[in-house]
Amino acid sequence: MDTKLTLKLDQNTIEKAKDYAKENSTSLSELFENYLHNIVSKNKQQENITPLVKSLSGIVKLDDVNNHKDKYADYLIKKYQ
């Protein structure tokens, strides 16, 4: 059974939400209902993280990940000079 709900929200937030809903071919009511359903759902599936993944967590630093692009760019510059 659907029940009407009245909310007070910032006008800018409402406009952005309307745009988002329109872009995703849904209504604000359905968007809000889905959001509430997800946060109150008792049957939320917890991601099972294996012990191996837990042990590997934190090994790679973000600086190391982004540094490969610089190294590759340097390699290409040297190669084509």
PDB file of N, CA and C in Angstrom:
ATOM      1  N   MET A   1       0.843  -1.172   0.000  1.00  0.00           N
ATOM      2  CA  MET A   1       0.000   0.000   0.000  1.00  0.00           C
ATOM      3  C   MET A   1       0.898   1.249   0.000  1.00  0.00           C
ATOM      4  N   ASP A   2       0.666   2.125  -0.933  1.00  0.00           N
ATOM      5  CA  ASP A   2       1.432   3.365  -0.995  1.00  0.00           C
ATOM      6  C   ASP A   2       0.832   4.405  -0.062  1.00  0.00           C
ATOM      7  N   THR A   3       1.697   5.159   0.589  1.00  0.00           N
ATOM      8  CA  THR A   3       1.295   6.206   1.511  1.00  0.00           C
ATOM      9  C   THR A   3       2.009   7.483   1.133  1.00  0.00           C
ATOM     10  N   LYS A   4       1.307   8.587   1.203  1.00  0.00           N
ATOM     11  CA  LYS A   4       1.887   9.873   0.867  1.00  0.00           C
ATOM     12  C   LYS A   4       2.794  10.349   2.000  1.00  0.00           C
ATOM     13  N   LEU A   5       3.919  10.987   1.620  1.00  0.00           N
ATOM     14  CA  LEU A   5       4.888  11.493   2.582  1.00  0.00           C
ATOM     15  C   LEU A   5       5.275  12.906   2.170  1.00  0.00           C
ATOM     16  N   THR A   6       5.288  13.817   3.115  1.00  0.00           N
ATOM     17  CA  THR A   6       5.686  15.193   2.839  1.00  0.00           C
ATOM     18  C   THR A   6       7.058  15.443   3.455  1.00  0.00           C
ATOM     19  N   LEU A   7       7.956  16.028   2.671  1.00  0.00           N
ATOM     20  CA  LEU A   7       9.314  16.299   3.135  1.00  0.00           C
ATOM     21  C   LEU A   7       9.663  17.754   2.909  1.00  0.00           C
ATOM     22  N   LYS A   8      10.532  18.295   3.746  1.00  0.00           N
ATOM     23  CA  LYS A   8      11.088  19.622   3.543  1.00  0.00           C
ATOM     24  C   LYS A   8      12.535  19.440   3.114  1.00  0.00           C
ATOM     25  N   LEU A   9      12.865  19.940   1.925  1.00  0.00           N
ATOM     26  CA  LEU A   9      14.216  19.817   1.401  1.00  0.00           C
ATOM     27  C   LEU A   9      14.662  21.136   0.799  1.00  0.00           C
ATOM     28  N   ASP A  10      15.961  21.302   0.707  1.00  0.00           N
ATOM     29  CA  ASP A  10      16.538  22.470   0.057  1.00  0.00           C
ATOM     30  C   ASP A  10      16.112  22.485  -1.416  1.00  0.00           C
ATOM     31  N   GLN A  11      15.713  23.647  -1.925  1.00  0.00           N
ATOM     32  CA  GLN A  11      15.204  23.763  -3.296  1.00  0.00           C
ATOM     33  C   GLN A  11      16.239  23.307  -4.326  1.00  0.00           C
ATOM     34  N   ASN A  12      17.497  23.644  -4.103  1.00  0.00           N
ATOM     35  CA  ASN A  12      18.563  23.248  -5.026  1.00  0.00           C
ATOM     36  C   ASN A  12      18.695  21.729  -5.077  1.00  0.00           C
ATOM     37  N   THR A  13      18.578  21.095  -3.928  1.00  0.00           N
ATOM     38  CA  THR A  13      18.649  19.631  -3.860  1.00  0.00           C
ATOM     39  C   THR A  13      17.483  19.004  -4.611  1.00  0.00           C
ATOM     40  N   ILE A  14      16.316  19.580  -4.465  1.00  0.00           N
ATOM     41  CA  ILE A  14      15.127  19.073  -5.151  1.00  0.00           C
ATOM     42  C   ILE A  14      15.314  19.144  -6.664  1.00  0.00           C
ATOM     43  N   GLU A  15      15.809  20.278  -7.149  1.00  0.00           N
ATOM     44  CA  GLU A  15      16.007  20.453  -8.592  1.00  0.00           C
ATOM     45  C   GLU A  15      17.034  19.452  -9.128  1.00  0.00           C
ATOM     46  N   LYS A  16      18.123  19.269  -8.394  1.00  0.00           N
ATOM     47  CA  LYS A  16      19.136  18.304  -8.825  1.00  0.00           C
ATOM     48  C   LYS A  16      18.569  16.884  -8.813  1.00  0.00           C
ATOM     49  N   ALA A  17      17.779  16.574  -7.815  1.00  0.00           N
ATOM     50  CA  ALA A  17      17.166  15.246  -7.724  1.00  0.00           C
ATOM     51  C   ALA A  17      16.187  15.019  -8.872  1.00  0.00           C
ATOM     52  N   LYS A  18      15.420  16.043  -9.217  1.00  0.00           N
ATOM     53  CA  LYS A  18      14.495  15.938 -10.348  1.00  0.00           C
ATOM     54  C   LYS A  18      15.249  15.682 -11.641  1.00  0.00           C
ATOM     55  N   ASP A  19      16.348  16.408 -11.840  1.00  0.00           N
ATOM     56  CA  ASP A  19      17.164  16.215 -13.041  1.00  0.00           C
ATOM     57  C   ASP A  19      17.724  14.794 -13.085  1.00  0.00           C
ATOM     58  N   TYR A  20      18.230  14.332 -11.937  1.00  0.00           N
ATOM     59  CA  TYR A  20      18.779  12.979 -11.852  1.00  0.00           C
ATOM     60  C   TYR A  20      17.704  11.945 -12.176  1.00  0.00           C
ATOM     61  N   ALA A  21      16.543  12.109 -11.591  1.00  0.00           N
ATOM     62  CA  ALA A  21      15.445  11.166 -11.828  1.00  0.00           C
ATOM     63  C   ALA A  21      15.049  11.149 -13.299  1.00  0.00           C
ATOM     64  N   LYS A  22      14.969  12.320 -13.904  1.00  0.00           N
ATOM     65  CA  LYS A  22      14.588  12.408 -15.314  1.00  0.00           C
ATOM     66  C   LYS A  22      15.631  11.728 -16.195  1.00  0.00           C
ATOM     67  N   GLU A  23      16.913  11.967 -15.906  1.00  0.00           N
ATOM     68  CA  GLU A  23      17.990  11.350 -16.684  1.00  0.00           C
ATOM     69  C   GLU A  23      17.969   9.830 -16.564  1.00  0.00           C
ATOM     70  N   ASN A  24      17.469   9.322 -15.447  1.00  0.00           N
ATOM     71  CA  ASN A  24      17.441   7.888 -15.206  1.00  0.00           C
ATOM     72  C   ASN A  24      16.052   7.277 -15.390  1.00  0.00           C
ATOM     73  N   SER A  25      15.183   8.023 -16.040  1.00  0.00           N
ATOM     74  CA  SER A  25      13.828   7.550 -16.376  1.00  0.00           C
ATOM     75  C   SER A  25      13.088   6.968 -15.182  1.00  0.00           C
ATOM     76  N   THR A  26      13.063   7.733 -14.102  1.00  0.00           N
ATOM     77  CA  THR A  26      12.349   7.305 -12.906  1.00  0.00           C
ATOM     78  C   THR A  26      11.676   8.520 -12.272  1.00  0.00           C
ATOM     79  N   SER A  27      10.935   8.288 -11.230  1.00  0.00           N
ATOM     80  CA  SER A  27      10.293   9.391 -10.521  1.00  0.00           C
ATOM     81  C   SER A  27      11.044   9.656  -9.223  1.00  0.00           C
ATOM     82  N   LEU A  28      10.823  10.835  -8.659  1.00  0.00           N
ATOM     83  CA  LEU A  28      11.428  11.140  -7.360  1.00  0.00           C
ATOM     84  C   LEU A  28      10.927  10.170  -6.294  1.00  0.00           C
ATOM     85  N   SER A  29       9.659   9.837  -6.361  1.00  0.00           N
ATOM     86  CA  SER A  29       9.093   8.901  -5.383  1.00  0.00           C
ATOM     87  C   SER A  29       9.788   7.552  -5.449  1.00  0.00           C
ATOM     88  N   GLU A  30       9.965   7.039  -6.663  1.00  0.00           N
ATOM     89  CA  GLU A  30      10.621   5.747  -6.817  1.00  0.00           C
ATOM     90  C   GLU A  30      12.093   5.817  -6.412  1.00  0.00           C
ATOM     91  N   LEU A  31      12.736   6.901  -6.764  1.00  0.00           N
ATOM     92  CA  LEU A  31      14.130   7.108  -6.394  1.00  0.00           C
ATOM     93  C   LEU A  31      14.300   7.108  -4.876  1.00  0.00           C
ATOM     94  N   PHE A  32      13.458   7.868  -4.207  1.00  0.00           N
ATOM     95  CA  PHE A  32      13.526   7.963  -2.752  1.00  0.00           C
ATOM     96  C   PHE A  32      13.148   6.641  -2.088  1.00  0.00           C
ATOM     97  N   GLU A  33      12.130   5.982  -2.621  1.00  0.00           N
ATOM     98  CA  GLU A  33      11.715   4.698  -2.063  1.00  0.00           C
ATOM     99  C   GLU A  33      12.838   3.666  -2.178  1.00  0.00           C
ATOM    100  N   ASN A  34      13.501   3.620  -3.329  1.00  0.00           N
ATOM    101  CA  ASN A  34      14.610   2.683  -3.509  1.00  0.00           C
ATOM    102  C   ASN A  34      15.754   2.995  -2.557  1.00  0.00           C
ATOM    103  N   TYR A  35      16.042   4.274  -2.372  1.00  0.00           N
ATOM    104  CA  TYR A  35      17.096   4.675  -1.447  1.00  0.00           C
ATOM    105  C   TYR A  35      16.773   4.210  -0.022  1.00  0.00           C
ATOM    106  N   LEU A  36      15.565   4.512   0.424  1.00  0.00           N
ATOM    107  CA  LEU A  36      15.165   4.105   1.773  1.00  0.00           C
ATOM    108  C   LEU A  36      15.167   2.586   1.927  1.00  0.00           C
ATOM    109  N   HIS A  37      14.688   1.906   0.902  1.00  0.00           N
ATOM    110  CA  HIS A  37      14.666   0.448   0.952  1.00  0.00           C
ATOM    111  C   HIS A  37      16.081  -0.108   1.137  1.00  0.00           C
ATOM    112  N   ASN A  38      17.044   0.468   0.428  1.00  0.00           N
ATOM    113  CA  ASN A  38      18.418  -0.020   0.523  1.00  0.00           C
ATOM    114  C   ASN A  38      19.033   0.224   1.890  1.00  0.00           C
ATOM    115  N   ILE A  39      18.733   1.347   2.510  1.00  0.00           N
ATOM    116  CA  ILE A  39      19.380   1.628   3.799  1.00  0.00           C
ATOM    117  C   ILE A  39      18.707   0.938   4.969  1.00  0.00           C
ATOM    118  N   VAL A  40      17.453   0.547   4.824  1.00  0.00           N
ATOM    119  CA  VAL A  40      16.771  -0.115   5.942  1.00  0.00           C
ATOM    120  C   VAL A  40      16.662  -1.626   5.769  1.00  0.00           C
ATOM    121  N   SER A  41      17.095  -2.115   4.628  1.00  0.00           N
ATOM    122  CA  SER A  41      16.969  -3.539   4.344  1.00  0.00           C
ATOM    123  C   SER A  41      17.749  -4.375   5.347  1.00  0.00           C
ATOM    124  N   LYS A  42      17.085  -5.313   5.951  1.00  0.00           N
ATOM    125  CA  LYS A  42      17.718  -6.201   6.931  1.00  0.00           C
ATOM    126  C   LYS A  42      18.554  -7.262   6.222  1.00  0.00           C
ATOM    127  N   ASN A  43      18.246  -7.511   4.954  1.00  0.00           N
ATOM    128  CA  ASN A  43      18.911  -8.585   4.221  1.00  0.00           C
ATOM    129  C   ASN A  43      20.077  -8.075   3.382  1.00  0.00           C
ATOM    130  N   LYS A  44      20.684  -6.988   3.832  1.00  0.00           N
ATOM    131  CA  LYS A  44      21.828  -6.465   3.091  1.00  0.00           C
ATOM    132  C   LYS A  44      22.910  -7.526   3.045  1.00  0.00           C
ATOM    133  N   GLN A  45      23.433  -7.711   1.857  1.00  0.00           N
ATOM    134  CA  GLN A  45      24.501  -8.689   1.723  1.00  0.00           C
ATOM    135  C   GLN A  45      25.824  -8.028   2.084  1.00  0.00           C
ATOM    136  N   GLN A  46      26.510  -8.621   3.020  1.00  0.00           N
ATOM    137  CA  GLN A  46      27.830  -8.154   3.407  1.00  0.00           C
ATOM    138  C   GLN A  46      28.830  -8.751   2.428  1.00  0.00           C
ATOM    139  N   GLU A  47      29.757  -7.926   1.970  1.00  0.00           N
ATOM    140  CA  GLU A  47      30.799  -8.445   1.101  1.00  0.00           C
ATOM    141  C   GLU A  47      31.733  -9.301   1.937  1.00  0.00           C
ATOM    142  N   ASN A  48      31.946 -10.506   1.479  1.00  0.00           N
ATOM    143  CA  ASN A  48      32.872 -11.393   2.166  1.00  0.00           C
ATOM    144  C   ASN A  48      34.266 -11.161   1.607  1.00  0.00           C
ATOM    145  N   ILE A  49      35.143 -10.689   2.461  1.00  0.00           N
ATOM    146  CA  ILE A  49      36.518 -10.444   2.056  1.00  0.00           C
ATOM    147  C   ILE A  49      37.350 -11.614   2.559  1.00  0.00           C
ATOM    148  N   THR A  50      38.025 -12.257   1.620  1.00  0.00           N
ATOM    149  CA  THR A  50      38.822 -13.422   1.983  1.00  0.00           C
ATOM    150  C   THR A  50      40.046 -12.996   2.778  1.00  0.00           C
ATOM    151  N   PRO A  51      40.610 -13.912   3.552  1.00  0.00           N
ATOM    152  CA  PRO A  51      41.820 -13.594   4.315  1.00  0.00           C
ATOM    153  C   PRO A  51      42.970 -13.131   3.421  1.00  0.00           C
ATOM    154  N   LEU A  52      43.070 -13.697   2.219  1.00  0.00           N
ATOM    155  CA  LEU A  52      44.132 -13.291   1.295  1.00  0.00           C
ATOM    156  C   LEU A  52      43.981 -11.831   0.911  1.00  0.00           C
ATOM    157  N   VAL A  53      42.758 -11.416   0.578  1.00  0.00           N
ATOM    158  CA  VAL A  53      42.517 -10.031   0.198  1.00  0.00           C
ATOM    159  C   VAL A  53      42.798  -9.103   1.377  1.00  0.00           C
ATOM    160  N   LYS A  54      42.385  -9.505   2.569  1.00  0.00           N
ATOM    161  CA  LYS A  54      42.663  -8.697   3.759  1.00  0.00           C
ATOM    162  C   LYS A  54      44.166  -8.529   3.970  1.00  0.00           C
ATOM    163  N   SER A  55      44.923  -9.600   3.740  1.00  0.00           N
ATOM    164  CA  SER A  55      46.371  -9.519   3.946  1.00  0.00           C
ATOM    165  C   SER A  55      47.043  -8.634   2.907  1.00  0.00           C
ATOM    166  N   LEU A  56      46.452  -8.530   1.721  1.00  0.00           N
ATOM    167  CA  LEU A  56      47.038  -7.711   0.661  1.00  0.00           C
ATOM    168  C   LEU A  56      46.620  -6.248   0.761  1.00  0.00           C
ATOM    169  N   SER A  57      45.605  -5.978   1.525  1.00  0.00           N
ATOM    170  CA  SER A  57      45.083  -4.622   1.646  1.00  0.00           C
ATOM    171  C   SER A  57      46.137  -3.670   2.192  1.00  0.00           C
ATOM    172  N   GLY A  58      46.358  -2.562   1.488  1.00  0.00           N
ATOM    173  CA  GLY A  58      47.290  -1.541   1.947  1.00  0.00           C
ATOM    174  C   GLY A  58      48.707  -1.709   1.436  1.00  0.00           C
ATOM    175  N   ILE A  59      48.986  -2.780   0.670  1.00  0.00           N
ATOM    176  CA  ILE A  59      50.342  -3.009   0.176  1.00  0.00           C
ATOM    177  C   ILE A  59      50.714  -1.977  -0.885  1.00  0.00           C
ATOM    178  N   VAL A  60      49.796  -1.690  -1.806  1.00  0.00           N
ATOM    179  CA  VAL A  60      50.077  -0.756  -2.895  1.00  0.00           C
ATOM    180  C   VAL A  60      49.699   0.643  -2.458  1.00  0.00           C
ATOM    181  N   LYS A  61      50.638   1.569  -2.611  1.00  0.00           N
ATOM    182  CA  LYS A  61      50.369   2.963  -2.281  1.00  0.00           C
ATOM    183  C   LYS A  61      49.898   3.669  -3.548  1.00  0.00           C
ATOM    184  N   LEU A  62      49.010   4.638  -3.404  1.00  0.00           N
ATOM    185  CA  LEU A  62      48.470   5.336  -4.567  1.00  0.00           C
ATOM    186  C   LEU A  62      49.558   6.043  -5.360  1.00  0.00           C
ATOM    187  N   ASP A  63      50.581   6.549  -4.700  1.00  0.00           N
ATOM    188  CA  ASP A  63      51.672   7.200  -5.416  1.00  0.00           C
ATOM    189  C   ASP A  63      52.337   6.222  -6.374  1.00  0.00           C
ATOM    190  N   ASP A  64      52.488   4.967  -5.952  1.00  0.00           N
ATOM    191  CA  ASP A  64      53.093   3.946  -6.797  1.00  0.00           C
ATOM    192  C   ASP A  64      52.219   3.645  -8.005  1.00  0.00           C
ATOM    193  N   VAL A  65      50.918   3.639  -7.821  1.00  0.00           N
ATOM    194  CA  VAL A  65      49.992   3.329  -8.901  1.00  0.00           C
ATOM    195  C   VAL A  65      50.044   4.404  -9.975  1.00  0.00           C
ATOM    196  N   ASN A  66      50.056   5.662  -9.598  1.00  0.00           N
ATOM    197  CA  ASN A  66      50.061   6.752 -10.569  1.00  0.00           C
ATOM    198  C   ASN A  66      51.432   6.981 -11.178  1.00  0.00           C
ATOM    199  N   ASN A  67      52.489   6.530 -10.534  1.00  0.00           N
ATOM    200  CA  ASN A  67      53.846   6.763 -11.002  1.00  0.00           C
ATOM    201  C   ASN A  67      54.137   6.019 -12.296  1.00  0.00           C
ATOM    202  N   HIS A  68      53.472   4.918 -12.578  1.00  0.00           N
ATOM    203  CA  HIS A  68      53.744   4.146 -13.788  1.00  0.00           C
ATOM    204  C   HIS A  68      53.453   4.951 -15.048  1.00  0.00           C
ATOM    205  N   LYS A  69      52.500   5.855 -14.987  1.00  0.00           N
ATOM    206  CA  LYS A  69      52.187   6.685 -16.145  1.00  0.00           C
ATOM    207  C   LYS A  69      53.355   7.603 -16.479  1.00  0.00           C
ATOM    208  N   ASP A  70      53.956   8.186 -15.451  1.00  0.00           N
ATOM    209  CA  ASP A  70      55.110   9.054 -15.669  1.00  0.00           C
ATOM    210  C   ASP A  70      56.283   8.266 -16.237  1.00  0.00           C
ATOM    211  N   LYS A  71      56.519   7.080 -15.693  1.00  0.00           N
ATOM    212  CA  LYS A  71      57.619   6.247 -16.175  1.00  0.00           C
ATOM    213  C   LYS A  71      57.398   5.841 -17.630  1.00  0.00           C
ATOM    214  N   TYR A  72      56.174   5.506 -17.971  1.00  0.00           N
ATOM    215  CA  TYR A  72      55.873   5.119 -19.347  1.00  0.00           C
ATOM    216  C   TYR A  72      56.030   6.304 -20.293  1.00  0.00           C
ATOM    217  N   ALA A  73      55.605   7.481 -19.856  1.00  0.00           N
ATOM    218  CA  ALA A  73      55.760   8.689 -20.677  1.00  0.00           C
ATOM    219  C   ALA A  73      57.236   8.973 -20.909  1.00  0.00           C
ATOM    220  N   ASP A  74      58.059   8.833 -19.880  1.00  0.00           N
ATOM    221  CA  ASP A  74      59.510   9.032 -20.026  1.00  0.00           C
ATOM    222  C   ASP A  74      60.095   8.028 -21.017  1.00  0.00           C
ATOM    223  N   TYR A  75      59.655   6.787 -20.922  1.00  0.00           N
ATOM    224  CA  TYR A  75      60.120   5.750 -21.836  1.00  0.00           C
ATOM    225  C   TYR A  75      59.785   6.109 -23.282  1.00  0.00           C
ATOM    226  N   LEU A  76      58.565   6.570 -23.535  1.00  0.00           N
ATOM    227  CA  LEU A  76      58.153   6.918 -24.887  1.00  0.00           C
ATOM    228  C   LEU A  76      58.933   8.115 -25.433  1.00  0.00           C
ATOM    229  N   ILE A  77      59.194   9.089 -24.564  1.00  0.00           N
ATOM    230  CA  ILE A  77      59.968  10.247 -24.989  1.00  0.00           C
ATOM    231  C   ILE A  77      61.366   9.828 -25.407  1.00  0.00           C
ATOM    232  N   LYS A  78      62.012   8.985 -24.633  1.00  0.00           N
ATOM    233  CA  LYS A  78      63.353   8.515 -24.967  1.00  0.00           C
ATOM    234  C   LYS A  78      63.336   7.679 -26.235  1.00  0.00           C
ATOM    235  N   LYS A  79      62.296   6.853 -26.381  1.00  0.00           N
ATOM    236  CA  LYS A  79      62.202   5.961 -27.528  1.00  0.00           C
ATOM    237  C   LYS A  79      62.077   6.724 -28.839  1.00  0.00           C
ATOM    238  N   TYR A  80      61.306   7.788 -28.843  1.00  0.00           N
ATOM    239  CA  TYR A  80      61.014   8.493 -30.083  1.00  0.00           C
ATOM    240  C   TYR A  80      61.809   9.785 -30.263  1.00  0.00           C
ATOM    241  N   GLN A  81      62.872   9.978 -29.516  1.00  0.00           N
ATOM    242  CA  GLN A  81      63.712  11.171 -29.706  1.00  0.00           C
ATOM    243  C   GLN A  81      64.709  10.948 -30.794  1.00  0.00           C
TER     244      GLN A  81
END
